[in-house]
Amino acid sequence: MDTLAKDFFVEDYIGDKEDVLRSIELLQMELDNFVNQHTDEDLQEAAPEVQNEVGYLLYTLGKSFYMIEDYATAAQYFETGLAFNLNTEDEFVIEMVKGYGLSLLNSGQGKEGIVLEAVYDDFGKYADFCMIMGLVYFEQNQFEQAVIEFAKATNERPDAIEGSNAFLSYYYAGQCREKQHRMDEAKEFYRKAGHYEPAKERLERIG
């Protein structure tokens, strides 16, 4: 699978890779200092404001590694951050959940994304999340469930990933139907993807 949403966090930062690496070094120092200040307590049992602060630091580190395309490390930071008791309505938490799923998919660990089923009730209203879940099911060879998630994505409002509620989800649904050898349905999904070039190419190949 091609890298998905490579620019998911890019608009949040202006600079080159060296700038991001310097930022990562400073963030890691900040995280170490924060943890050292709380050595006498279990951070996962700490006050909400403490958990929120460490969660945000881990999110920012994960986002930074994502921007330099170190998706495996990004996934580790996101996973650690999501272990804390955070407000699921906070924007950074929503982005961290999506970033975690994308990082797993982009680092060849898409099957591990099945753990996101545990937070489906909180995030299933977002087109990005539904599409990510569809891709997780695709990696699990659960093509029928994947198509259901892609269909849900197309019924949601436009989200951060361009096309997650439109051409991208239709394209991936078409790929599912190809895997199932249901070519007429695959072609229908590819047609719905409209201008999306990979979908047009698949239509040409399967006739």
N, C-alpha and C. Protein backbone atom coordinates (compact mmCIF):
# COMPACT_ATOMS: atom_id res chain seq x y z
N MET A 1 0.84 -1.19 0.00
CA MET A 1 0.00 0.00 0.00
C MET A 1 0.88 1.25 0.00
N ASP A 2 0.51 2.23 -0.81
CA ASP A 2 1.27 3.47 -0.84
C ASP A 2 1.13 4.22 0.48
N THR A 3 2.10 5.09 0.76
CA THR A 3 2.04 5.90 1.97
C THR A 3 0.76 6.73 1.97
N LEU A 4 0.04 6.68 3.06
CA LEU A 4 -1.26 7.34 3.18
C LEU A 4 -1.11 8.63 3.97
N ALA A 5 -1.71 9.70 3.46
CA ALA A 5 -1.76 10.99 4.18
C ALA A 5 -0.39 11.41 4.68
N LYS A 6 0.57 11.38 3.79
CA LYS A 6 1.95 11.76 4.14
C LYS A 6 2.02 13.16 4.74
N ASP A 7 1.15 14.05 4.29
CA ASP A 7 1.17 15.43 4.74
C ASP A 7 0.14 15.71 5.85
N PHE A 8 -0.27 14.68 6.58
CA PHE A 8 -1.33 14.83 7.58
C PHE A 8 -1.01 15.94 8.59
N PHE A 9 0.26 16.05 8.99
CA PHE A 9 0.65 17.04 9.99
C PHE A 9 1.48 18.18 9.42
N VAL A 10 1.77 18.16 8.13
CA VAL A 10 2.74 19.10 7.56
C VAL A 10 2.33 20.55 7.76
N GLU A 11 1.06 20.85 7.64
CA GLU A 11 0.63 22.25 7.74
C GLU A 11 0.87 22.84 9.12
N ASP A 12 1.15 21.97 10.10
CA ASP A 12 1.40 22.46 11.45
C ASP A 12 2.83 22.95 11.65
N TYR A 13 3.69 22.74 10.65
CA TYR A 13 5.10 23.06 10.86
C TYR A 13 5.73 23.55 9.56
N ILE A 14 6.49 24.62 9.68
CA ILE A 14 7.20 25.14 8.52
C ILE A 14 8.69 25.00 8.80
N GLY A 15 9.39 24.23 8.00
CA GLY A 15 10.82 24.00 8.20
C GLY A 15 11.24 22.74 7.49
N ASP A 16 12.55 22.45 7.56
CA ASP A 16 13.05 21.25 6.90
C ASP A 16 13.26 20.13 7.93
N LYS A 17 13.78 19.01 7.47
CA LYS A 17 13.94 17.85 8.34
C LYS A 17 14.85 18.16 9.52
N GLU A 18 15.90 18.94 9.28
CA GLU A 18 16.83 19.28 10.36
C GLU A 18 16.12 20.09 11.44
N ASP A 19 15.22 20.96 11.04
CA ASP A 19 14.45 21.73 12.02
C ASP A 19 13.59 20.80 12.88
N VAL A 20 12.96 19.83 12.22
CA VAL A 20 12.12 18.88 12.96
C VAL A 20 12.96 18.05 13.91
N LEU A 21 14.15 17.61 13.48
CA LEU A 21 15.02 16.82 14.35
C LEU A 21 15.45 17.62 15.57
N ARG A 22 15.74 18.90 15.38
CA ARG A 22 16.10 19.74 16.53
C ARG A 22 14.91 19.89 17.48
N SER A 23 13.74 20.03 16.90
CA SER A 23 12.52 20.13 17.70
C SER A 23 12.31 18.84 18.51
N ILE A 24 12.55 17.70 17.88
CA ILE A 24 12.40 16.41 18.56
C ILE A 24 13.34 16.31 19.75
N GLU A 25 14.58 16.75 19.57
CA GLU A 25 15.56 16.71 20.66
C GLU A 25 15.09 17.53 21.85
N LEU A 26 14.56 18.72 21.58
CA LEU A 26 14.07 19.58 22.66
C LEU A 26 12.83 18.99 23.33
N LEU A 27 11.95 18.41 22.53
CA LEU A 27 10.74 17.79 23.07
C LEU A 27 11.07 16.59 23.95
N GLN A 28 12.06 15.80 23.54
CA GLN A 28 12.45 14.64 24.33
C GLN A 28 13.04 15.08 25.67
N MET A 29 13.81 16.18 25.66
CA MET A 29 14.35 16.72 26.90
C MET A 29 13.22 17.21 27.80
N GLU A 30 12.24 17.87 27.20
CA GLU A 30 11.09 18.36 27.97
C GLU A 30 10.31 17.21 28.58
N LEU A 31 10.12 16.14 27.80
CA LEU A 31 9.41 14.97 28.31
C LEU A 31 10.18 14.32 29.45
N ASP A 32 11.50 14.17 29.30
CA ASP A 32 12.33 13.58 30.35
C ASP A 32 12.23 14.41 31.63
N ASN A 33 12.30 15.73 31.50
CA ASN A 33 12.21 16.60 32.67
C ASN A 33 10.85 16.45 33.35
N PHE A 34 9.81 16.38 32.54
CA PHE A 34 8.46 16.24 33.08
C PHE A 34 8.33 14.94 33.87
N VAL A 35 8.81 13.84 33.28
CA VAL A 35 8.73 12.54 33.94
C VAL A 35 9.54 12.55 35.24
N ASN A 36 10.72 13.18 35.21
CA ASN A 36 11.57 13.24 36.40
C ASN A 36 10.91 14.03 37.53
N GLN A 37 10.08 15.00 37.18
CA GLN A 37 9.38 15.79 38.18
C GLN A 37 8.24 15.01 38.84
N HIS A 38 7.88 13.89 38.21
CA HIS A 38 6.75 13.10 38.73
C HIS A 38 7.16 11.66 39.02
N THR A 39 8.39 11.49 39.49
CA THR A 39 8.90 10.13 39.72
C THR A 39 8.17 9.42 40.87
N ASP A 40 7.54 10.20 41.74
CA ASP A 40 6.89 9.61 42.91
C ASP A 40 5.44 9.20 42.66
N GLU A 41 4.98 9.32 41.41
CA GLU A 41 3.60 8.95 41.14
C GLU A 41 3.48 8.20 39.82
N ASP A 42 2.44 7.40 39.73
CA ASP A 42 2.11 6.71 38.49
C ASP A 42 1.38 7.71 37.60
N LEU A 43 2.01 8.09 36.50
CA LEU A 43 1.42 9.13 35.65
C LEU A 43 0.04 8.75 35.14
N GLN A 44 -0.20 7.47 34.95
CA GLN A 44 -1.52 7.05 34.45
C GLN A 44 -2.59 7.12 35.54
N GLU A 45 -2.16 7.38 36.77
CA GLU A 45 -3.11 7.58 37.87
C GLU A 45 -3.07 9.02 38.37
N ALA A 46 -2.33 9.86 37.67
CA ALA A 46 -2.14 11.24 38.10
C ALA A 46 -3.39 12.07 37.83
N ALA A 47 -3.35 13.31 38.31
CA ALA A 47 -4.45 14.25 38.09
C ALA A 47 -4.67 14.47 36.60
N PRO A 48 -5.91 14.79 36.20
CA PRO A 48 -6.21 14.96 34.77
C PRO A 48 -5.30 15.95 34.06
N GLU A 49 -4.95 17.06 34.71
CA GLU A 49 -4.10 18.05 34.05
C GLU A 49 -2.69 17.52 33.81
N VAL A 50 -2.22 16.64 34.70
CA VAL A 50 -0.89 16.03 34.52
C VAL A 50 -0.93 15.05 33.35
N GLN A 51 -1.97 14.22 33.31
CA GLN A 51 -2.11 13.26 32.21
C GLN A 51 -2.26 14.00 30.88
N ASN A 52 -2.98 15.08 30.90
CA ASN A 52 -3.18 15.85 29.67
C ASN A 52 -1.85 16.42 29.17
N GLU A 53 -1.03 16.91 30.10
CA GLU A 53 0.24 17.50 29.71
C GLU A 53 1.19 16.48 29.12
N VAL A 54 1.31 15.33 29.77
CA VAL A 54 2.22 14.30 29.24
C VAL A 54 1.66 13.73 27.94
N GLY A 55 0.34 13.60 27.87
CA GLY A 55 -0.28 13.12 26.63
C GLY A 55 -0.01 14.04 25.47
N TYR A 56 -0.06 15.34 25.73
CA TYR A 56 0.19 16.31 24.66
C TYR A 56 1.65 16.28 24.23
N LEU A 57 2.58 16.12 25.17
CA LEU A 57 4.00 16.01 24.81
C LEU A 57 4.24 14.78 23.93
N LEU A 58 3.63 13.67 24.28
CA LEU A 58 3.80 12.44 23.49
C LEU A 58 3.17 12.59 22.11
N TYR A 59 2.03 13.26 22.06
CA TYR A 59 1.39 13.55 20.77
C TYR A 59 2.31 14.39 19.90
N THR A 60 2.91 15.43 20.47
CA THR A 60 3.77 16.32 19.70
C THR A 60 5.01 15.59 19.19
N LEU A 61 5.56 14.70 20.00
CA LEU A 61 6.69 13.89 19.54
C LEU A 61 6.28 12.94 18.43
N GLY A 62 5.14 12.29 18.60
CA GLY A 62 4.65 11.39 17.56
C GLY A 62 4.43 12.12 16.25
N LYS A 63 3.84 13.31 16.35
CA LYS A 63 3.59 14.13 15.17
C LYS A 63 4.90 14.50 14.48
N SER A 64 5.92 14.82 15.26
CA SER A 64 7.21 15.20 14.70
C SER A 64 7.86 14.05 13.96
N PHE A 65 7.82 12.87 14.54
CA PHE A 65 8.38 11.70 13.86
C PHE A 65 7.58 11.36 12.60
N TYR A 66 6.28 11.58 12.66
CA TYR A 66 5.44 11.35 11.47
C TYR A 66 5.89 12.26 10.33
N MET A 67 6.20 13.52 10.65
CA MET A 67 6.56 14.48 9.62
C MET A 67 7.88 14.13 8.93
N ILE A 68 8.77 13.41 9.63
CA ILE A 68 10.02 13.00 8.98
C ILE A 68 9.92 11.56 8.47
N GLU A 69 8.68 11.05 8.43
CA GLU A 69 8.36 9.75 7.84
C GLU A 69 8.95 8.57 8.62
N ASP A 70 9.20 8.78 9.91
CA ASP A 70 9.58 7.67 10.79
C ASP A 70 8.29 7.19 11.45
N TYR A 71 7.51 6.46 10.67
CA TYR A 71 6.16 6.11 11.10
C TYR A 71 6.14 5.11 12.26
N ALA A 72 7.11 4.21 12.31
CA ALA A 72 7.15 3.22 13.38
C ALA A 72 7.35 3.91 14.73
N THR A 73 8.29 4.87 14.77
CA THR A 73 8.53 5.60 16.02
C THR A 73 7.34 6.47 16.37
N ALA A 74 6.74 7.10 15.36
CA ALA A 74 5.55 7.91 15.59
C ALA A 74 4.46 7.07 16.24
N ALA A 75 4.25 5.87 15.74
CA ALA A 75 3.22 4.97 16.29
C ALA A 75 3.49 4.67 17.75
N GLN A 76 4.77 4.48 18.12
CA GLN A 76 5.11 4.18 19.50
C GLN A 76 4.74 5.34 20.43
N TYR A 77 5.05 6.56 19.99
CA TYR A 77 4.71 7.72 20.82
C TYR A 77 3.20 7.92 20.91
N PHE A 78 2.51 7.76 19.80
CA PHE A 78 1.05 7.90 19.83
C PHE A 78 0.43 6.84 20.74
N GLU A 79 0.91 5.62 20.62
CA GLU A 79 0.36 4.53 21.44
C GLU A 79 0.56 4.82 22.93
N THR A 80 1.75 5.30 23.27
CA THR A 80 2.03 5.63 24.67
C THR A 80 1.13 6.77 25.14
N GLY A 81 0.96 7.78 24.29
CA GLY A 81 0.10 8.91 24.65
C GLY A 81 -1.34 8.51 24.87
N LEU A 82 -1.82 7.59 24.05
CA LEU A 82 -3.22 7.18 24.13
C LEU A 82 -3.51 6.28 25.32
N ALA A 83 -2.46 5.86 26.03
CA ALA A 83 -2.66 5.05 27.22
C ALA A 83 -3.15 5.89 28.40
N PHE A 84 -3.06 7.22 28.26
CA PHE A 84 -3.51 8.10 29.33
C PHE A 84 -4.99 8.41 29.20
N ASN A 85 -5.55 8.86 30.30
CA ASN A 85 -6.98 9.18 30.34
C ASN A 85 -7.18 10.61 29.83
N LEU A 86 -7.48 10.73 28.54
CA LEU A 86 -7.56 12.03 27.89
C LEU A 86 -8.99 12.32 27.43
N ASN A 87 -9.27 13.57 27.20
CA ASN A 87 -10.59 14.00 26.73
C ASN A 87 -10.70 13.71 25.23
N THR A 88 -11.59 12.82 24.86
CA THR A 88 -11.70 12.39 23.46
C THR A 88 -12.25 13.49 22.55
N GLU A 89 -12.70 14.60 23.13
CA GLU A 89 -13.18 15.73 22.32
C GLU A 89 -12.07 16.74 22.02
N ASP A 90 -10.92 16.61 22.70
CA ASP A 90 -9.82 17.53 22.46
C ASP A 90 -9.23 17.28 21.07
N GLU A 91 -8.92 18.36 20.37
CA GLU A 91 -8.44 18.24 19.00
C GLU A 91 -7.17 17.42 18.91
N PHE A 92 -6.25 17.59 19.85
CA PHE A 92 -4.99 16.85 19.75
C PHE A 92 -5.20 15.36 19.99
N VAL A 93 -6.21 15.01 20.77
CA VAL A 93 -6.50 13.59 21.01
C VAL A 93 -7.09 12.96 19.75
N ILE A 94 -7.99 13.69 19.10
CA ILE A 94 -8.56 13.22 17.84
C ILE A 94 -7.46 13.00 16.81
N GLU A 95 -6.54 13.97 16.69
CA GLU A 95 -5.43 13.85 15.75
C GLU A 95 -4.50 12.71 16.13
N MET A 96 -4.31 12.50 17.43
CA MET A 96 -3.41 11.43 17.86
C MET A 96 -3.98 10.05 17.51
N VAL A 97 -5.27 9.88 17.67
CA VAL A 97 -5.90 8.61 17.30
C VAL A 97 -5.75 8.35 15.80
N LYS A 98 -6.05 9.38 15.00
CA LYS A 98 -5.90 9.23 13.55
C LYS A 98 -4.44 9.01 13.19
N GLY A 99 -3.54 9.79 13.81
CA GLY A 99 -2.12 9.66 13.53
C GLY A 99 -1.60 8.28 13.89
N TYR A 100 -2.11 7.71 14.97
CA TYR A 100 -1.70 6.36 15.37
C TYR A 100 -2.09 5.35 14.30
N GLY A 101 -3.34 5.42 13.84
CA GLY A 101 -3.79 4.50 12.80
C GLY A 101 -2.99 4.65 11.52
N LEU A 102 -2.77 5.89 11.12
CA LEU A 102 -1.99 6.15 9.90
C LEU A 102 -0.56 5.67 10.04
N SER A 103 0.03 5.89 11.21
CA SER A 103 1.42 5.47 11.43
C SER A 103 1.56 3.95 11.36
N LEU A 104 0.60 3.24 11.92
CA LEU A 104 0.62 1.78 11.84
C LEU A 104 0.51 1.32 10.39
N LEU A 105 -0.42 1.91 9.66
CA LEU A 105 -0.61 1.54 8.25
C LEU A 105 0.64 1.87 7.43
N ASN A 106 1.24 3.02 7.68
CA ASN A 106 2.39 3.45 6.88
C ASN A 106 3.68 2.76 7.27
N SER A 107 3.69 2.06 8.40
CA SER A 107 4.90 1.34 8.82
C SER A 107 4.75 -0.16 8.68
N GLY A 108 3.74 -0.60 7.92
CA GLY A 108 3.56 -2.03 7.69
C GLY A 108 2.97 -2.77 8.87
N GLN A 109 2.36 -2.04 9.79
CA GLN A 109 1.77 -2.66 10.98
C GLN A 109 0.24 -2.50 10.99
N GLY A 110 -0.34 -2.40 9.81
CA GLY A 110 -1.76 -2.12 9.71
C GLY A 110 -2.65 -3.07 10.49
N LYS A 111 -2.26 -4.33 10.55
CA LYS A 111 -3.08 -5.30 11.28
C LYS A 111 -3.20 -4.95 12.76
N GLU A 112 -2.16 -4.30 13.30
CA GLU A 112 -2.18 -3.93 14.72
C GLU A 112 -3.23 -2.85 15.00
N GLY A 113 -3.67 -2.18 13.96
CA GLY A 113 -4.66 -1.13 14.13
C GLY A 113 -6.01 -1.63 14.60
N ILE A 114 -6.19 -2.93 14.67
CA ILE A 114 -7.45 -3.51 15.13
C ILE A 114 -7.76 -3.05 16.55
N VAL A 115 -6.72 -2.63 17.30
CA VAL A 115 -6.94 -2.14 18.67
C VAL A 115 -7.81 -0.89 18.69
N LEU A 116 -7.89 -0.19 17.55
CA LEU A 116 -8.70 1.02 17.49
C LEU A 116 -10.20 0.73 17.57
N GLU A 117 -10.57 -0.55 17.45
CA GLU A 117 -11.97 -0.90 17.66
C GLU A 117 -12.44 -0.48 19.05
N ALA A 118 -11.49 -0.46 20.00
CA ALA A 118 -11.83 -0.12 21.39
C ALA A 118 -12.29 1.32 21.55
N VAL A 119 -11.92 2.19 20.60
CA VAL A 119 -12.31 3.61 20.71
C VAL A 119 -13.28 4.02 19.60
N TYR A 120 -13.87 3.02 18.97
CA TYR A 120 -14.75 3.30 17.82
C TYR A 120 -15.93 4.21 18.21
N ASP A 121 -16.49 3.98 19.37
CA ASP A 121 -17.66 4.77 19.77
C ASP A 121 -17.33 6.25 19.89
N ASP A 122 -16.10 6.56 20.24
CA ASP A 122 -15.69 7.95 20.41
C ASP A 122 -15.31 8.63 19.10
N PHE A 123 -14.79 7.85 18.15
CA PHE A 123 -14.20 8.46 16.96
C PHE A 123 -14.85 8.03 15.64
N GLY A 124 -15.85 7.15 15.71
CA GLY A 124 -16.49 6.65 14.50
C GLY A 124 -17.30 7.70 13.75
N LYS A 125 -17.41 8.91 14.30
CA LYS A 125 -18.14 9.99 13.62
C LYS A 125 -17.27 10.76 12.66
N TYR A 126 -15.98 10.40 12.58
CA TYR A 126 -15.05 11.11 11.71
C TYR A 126 -14.75 10.28 10.46
N ALA A 127 -14.83 10.92 9.30
CA ALA A 127 -14.58 10.21 8.04
C ALA A 127 -13.17 9.62 8.01
N ASP A 128 -12.18 10.38 8.49
CA ASP A 128 -10.81 9.88 8.50
C ASP A 128 -10.72 8.58 9.27
N PHE A 129 -11.33 8.56 10.45
CA PHE A 129 -11.26 7.38 11.31
C PHE A 129 -11.92 6.18 10.64
N CYS A 130 -13.09 6.40 10.05
CA CYS A 130 -13.79 5.29 9.37
C CYS A 130 -12.94 4.74 8.23
N MET A 131 -12.33 5.64 7.46
CA MET A 131 -11.48 5.16 6.37
C MET A 131 -10.28 4.40 6.89
N ILE A 132 -9.67 4.90 7.96
CA ILE A 132 -8.53 4.20 8.57
C ILE A 132 -8.96 2.82 9.04
N MET A 133 -10.12 2.72 9.68
CA MET A 133 -10.61 1.41 10.12
C MET A 133 -10.85 0.50 8.93
N GLY A 134 -11.36 1.07 7.83
CA GLY A 134 -11.54 0.27 6.62
C GLY A 134 -10.23 -0.31 6.14
N LEU A 135 -9.17 0.49 6.19
CA LEU A 135 -7.86 0.02 5.75
C LEU A 135 -7.29 -1.02 6.71
N VAL A 136 -7.58 -0.86 8.00
CA VAL A 136 -7.16 -1.87 8.98
C VAL A 136 -7.84 -3.20 8.67
N TYR A 137 -9.14 -3.15 8.41
CA TYR A 137 -9.85 -4.39 8.06
C TYR A 137 -9.34 -4.96 6.74
N PHE A 138 -9.00 -4.09 5.82
CA PHE A 138 -8.41 -4.54 4.55
C PHE A 138 -7.13 -5.34 4.83
N GLU A 139 -6.30 -4.82 5.72
CA GLU A 139 -5.05 -5.52 6.08
C GLU A 139 -5.34 -6.86 6.75
N GLN A 140 -6.49 -6.95 7.40
CA GLN A 140 -6.90 -8.19 8.07
C GLN A 140 -7.60 -9.16 7.11
N ASN A 141 -7.71 -8.75 5.84
CA ASN A 141 -8.46 -9.52 4.83
C ASN A 141 -9.94 -9.63 5.17
N GLN A 142 -10.44 -8.69 5.97
CA GLN A 142 -11.87 -8.64 6.28
C GLN A 142 -12.51 -7.63 5.32
N PHE A 143 -12.61 -8.05 4.07
CA PHE A 143 -12.99 -7.10 3.02
C PHE A 143 -14.41 -6.59 3.14
N GLU A 144 -15.32 -7.43 3.61
CA GLU A 144 -16.71 -6.99 3.74
C GLU A 144 -16.83 -5.91 4.80
N GLN A 145 -16.16 -6.13 5.94
CA GLN A 145 -16.19 -5.13 7.00
C GLN A 145 -15.49 -3.85 6.55
N ALA A 146 -14.44 -4.01 5.77
CA ALA A 146 -13.73 -2.83 5.25
C ALA A 146 -14.65 -1.98 4.38
N VAL A 147 -15.40 -2.61 3.50
CA VAL A 147 -16.32 -1.87 2.62
C VAL A 147 -17.38 -1.14 3.45
N ILE A 148 -17.84 -1.77 4.52
CA ILE A 148 -18.81 -1.12 5.40
C ILE A 148 -18.23 0.17 5.97
N GLU A 149 -16.96 0.11 6.40
CA GLU A 149 -16.32 1.30 6.96
C GLU A 149 -16.10 2.38 5.91
N PHE A 150 -15.71 1.97 4.71
CA PHE A 150 -15.53 2.96 3.64
C PHE A 150 -16.86 3.63 3.30
N ALA A 151 -17.93 2.84 3.31
CA ALA A 151 -19.26 3.41 3.05
C ALA A 151 -19.65 4.41 4.14
N LYS A 152 -19.32 4.06 5.39
CA LYS A 152 -19.62 4.99 6.50
C LYS A 152 -18.85 6.30 6.30
N ALA A 153 -17.60 6.18 5.88
CA ALA A 153 -16.78 7.37 5.68
C ALA A 153 -17.42 8.32 4.67
N THR A 154 -17.99 7.76 3.61
CA THR A 154 -18.58 8.60 2.56
C THR A 154 -19.85 9.29 3.03
N ASN A 155 -20.40 8.87 4.16
CA ASN A 155 -21.61 9.50 4.70
C ASN A 155 -21.29 10.57 5.73
N GLU A 156 -20.00 10.77 6.02
CA GLU A 156 -19.60 11.77 7.01
C GLU A 156 -19.17 13.06 6.33
N ARG A 157 -18.99 14.08 7.14
CA ARG A 157 -18.55 15.38 6.62
C ARG A 157 -17.09 15.30 6.16
N PRO A 158 -16.68 16.21 5.27
CA PRO A 158 -15.26 16.27 4.90
C PRO A 158 -14.39 16.39 6.14
N ASP A 159 -13.25 15.73 6.11
CA ASP A 159 -12.39 15.67 7.28
C ASP A 159 -10.99 16.13 6.90
N ALA A 160 -10.02 15.90 7.78
CA ALA A 160 -8.67 16.42 7.57
C ALA A 160 -7.99 15.81 6.35
N ILE A 161 -8.22 14.53 6.09
CA ILE A 161 -7.62 13.87 4.93
C ILE A 161 -8.51 14.10 3.72
N GLU A 162 -8.00 14.81 2.74
CA GLU A 162 -8.80 15.10 1.55
C GLU A 162 -9.26 13.81 0.88
N GLY A 163 -10.55 13.69 0.66
CA GLY A 163 -11.10 12.53 -0.04
C GLY A 163 -11.48 11.37 0.86
N SER A 164 -11.25 11.50 2.16
CA SER A 164 -11.59 10.36 3.04
C SER A 164 -13.09 10.09 3.03
N ASN A 165 -13.89 11.12 2.81
CA ASN A 165 -15.35 10.92 2.75
C ASN A 165 -15.85 10.85 1.31
N ALA A 166 -14.91 10.65 0.38
CA ALA A 166 -15.29 10.65 -1.04
C ALA A 166 -14.38 9.71 -1.83
N PHE A 167 -13.57 10.26 -2.72
CA PHE A 167 -12.87 9.44 -3.70
C PHE A 167 -11.91 8.42 -3.09
N LEU A 168 -11.25 8.74 -1.98
CA LEU A 168 -10.32 7.77 -1.39
C LEU A 168 -11.05 6.53 -0.89
N SER A 169 -12.15 6.76 -0.18
CA SER A 169 -12.90 5.61 0.35
C SER A 169 -13.53 4.79 -0.77
N TYR A 170 -14.01 5.46 -1.81
CA TYR A 170 -14.55 4.71 -2.95
C TYR A 170 -13.45 3.88 -3.62
N TYR A 171 -12.27 4.46 -3.73
CA TYR A 171 -11.15 3.75 -4.35
C TYR A 171 -10.79 2.50 -3.55
N TYR A 172 -10.67 2.66 -2.23
CA TYR A 172 -10.30 1.51 -1.41
C TYR A 172 -11.40 0.45 -1.37
N ALA A 173 -12.65 0.90 -1.44
CA ALA A 173 -13.76 -0.06 -1.52
C ALA A 173 -13.65 -0.86 -2.82
N GLY A 174 -13.26 -0.18 -3.89
CA GLY A 174 -13.04 -0.88 -5.16
C GLY A 174 -11.94 -1.92 -5.05
N GLN A 175 -10.89 -1.60 -4.33
CA GLN A 175 -9.80 -2.57 -4.14
C GLN A 175 -10.29 -3.79 -3.37
N CYS A 176 -11.16 -3.56 -2.40
CA CYS A 176 -11.72 -4.69 -1.66
C CYS A 176 -12.49 -5.61 -2.59
N ARG A 177 -13.33 -5.00 -3.43
CA ARG A 177 -14.14 -5.83 -4.34
C ARG A 177 -13.26 -6.57 -5.36
N GLU A 178 -12.16 -5.96 -5.74
CA GLU A 178 -11.22 -6.68 -6.61
C GLU A 178 -10.67 -7.91 -5.90
N LYS A 179 -10.31 -7.75 -4.63
CA LYS A 179 -9.78 -8.88 -3.87
C LYS A 179 -10.81 -10.00 -3.76
N GLN A 180 -12.07 -9.60 -3.78
CA GLN A 180 -13.16 -10.58 -3.69
C GLN A 180 -13.60 -11.08 -5.07
N HIS A 181 -12.93 -10.60 -6.11
CA HIS A 181 -13.24 -10.97 -7.50
C HIS A 181 -14.66 -10.57 -7.90
N ARG A 182 -15.13 -9.48 -7.32
CA ARG A 182 -16.45 -8.93 -7.66
C ARG A 182 -16.21 -7.70 -8.53
N MET A 183 -15.85 -7.95 -9.77
CA MET A 183 -15.31 -6.90 -10.63
C MET A 183 -16.33 -5.83 -11.02
N ASP A 184 -17.58 -6.23 -11.21
CA ASP A 184 -18.59 -5.22 -11.56
C ASP A 184 -18.74 -4.19 -10.45
N GLU A 185 -18.74 -4.68 -9.21
CA GLU A 185 -18.85 -3.76 -8.07
C GLU A 185 -17.59 -2.93 -7.92
N ALA A 186 -16.44 -3.55 -8.17
CA ALA A 186 -15.17 -2.80 -8.11
C ALA A 186 -15.20 -1.64 -9.09
N LYS A 187 -15.65 -1.92 -10.31
CA LYS A 187 -15.69 -0.86 -11.32
C LYS A 187 -16.65 0.25 -10.92
N GLU A 188 -17.74 -0.10 -10.29
CA GLU A 188 -18.70 0.91 -9.85
C GLU A 188 -18.07 1.84 -8.80
N PHE A 189 -17.34 1.25 -7.88
CA PHE A 189 -16.67 2.07 -6.87
C PHE A 189 -15.60 2.96 -7.51
N TYR A 190 -14.86 2.42 -8.44
CA TYR A 190 -13.83 3.22 -9.10
C TYR A 190 -14.44 4.38 -9.87
N ARG A 191 -15.59 4.13 -10.48
CA ARG A 191 -16.27 5.23 -11.18
C ARG A 191 -16.69 6.32 -10.20
N LYS A 192 -17.14 5.91 -9.02
CA LYS A 192 -17.55 6.89 -8.01
C LYS A 192 -16.36 7.71 -7.52
N ALA A 193 -15.16 7.16 -7.64
CA ALA A 193 -13.96 7.89 -7.21
C ALA A 193 -13.63 9.04 -8.15
N GLY A 194 -14.30 9.09 -9.30
CA GLY A 194 -14.22 10.24 -10.20
C GLY A 194 -12.84 10.53 -10.74
N HIS A 195 -12.32 11.70 -10.39
CA HIS A 195 -11.07 12.19 -10.98
C HIS A 195 -9.83 11.52 -10.40
N TYR A 196 -9.97 10.72 -9.36
CA TYR A 196 -8.81 10.16 -8.66
C TYR A 196 -8.04 9.24 -9.60
N GLU A 197 -6.83 9.60 -9.91
CA GLU A 197 -6.06 8.94 -10.95
C GLU A 197 -5.86 7.45 -10.72
N PRO A 198 -5.49 7.00 -9.51
CA PRO A 198 -5.33 5.54 -9.30
C PRO A 198 -6.61 4.76 -9.61
N ALA A 199 -7.77 5.35 -9.31
CA ALA A 199 -9.04 4.68 -9.61
C ALA A 199 -9.26 4.60 -11.12
N LYS A 200 -8.92 5.65 -11.83
CA LYS A 200 -9.04 5.64 -13.29
C LYS A 200 -8.12 4.59 -13.90
N GLU A 201 -6.92 4.45 -13.31
CA GLU A 201 -5.98 3.43 -13.81
C GLU A 201 -6.50 2.02 -13.56
N ARG A 202 -7.11 1.80 -12.40
CA ARG A 202 -7.66 0.48 -12.11
C ARG A 202 -8.82 0.16 -13.08
N LEU A 203 -9.63 1.16 -13.37
CA LEU A 203 -10.73 0.96 -14.30
C LEU A 203 -10.21 0.53 -15.67
N GLU A 204 -9.15 1.18 -16.13
CA GLU A 204 -8.56 0.83 -17.42
C GLU A 204 -8.01 -0.60 -17.42
N ARG A 205 -7.42 -0.98 -16.30
CA ARG A 205 -6.79 -2.31 -16.24
C ARG A 205 -7.80 -3.44 -16.21
N ILE A 206 -8.89 -3.23 -15.49
CA ILE A 206 -9.87 -4.32 -15.38
C ILE A 206 -10.98 -4.22 -16.43
N GLY A 207 -10.92 -3.13 -17.22
CA GLY A 207 -11.88 -3.01 -18.31
C GLY A 207 -13.24 -2.62 -17.86
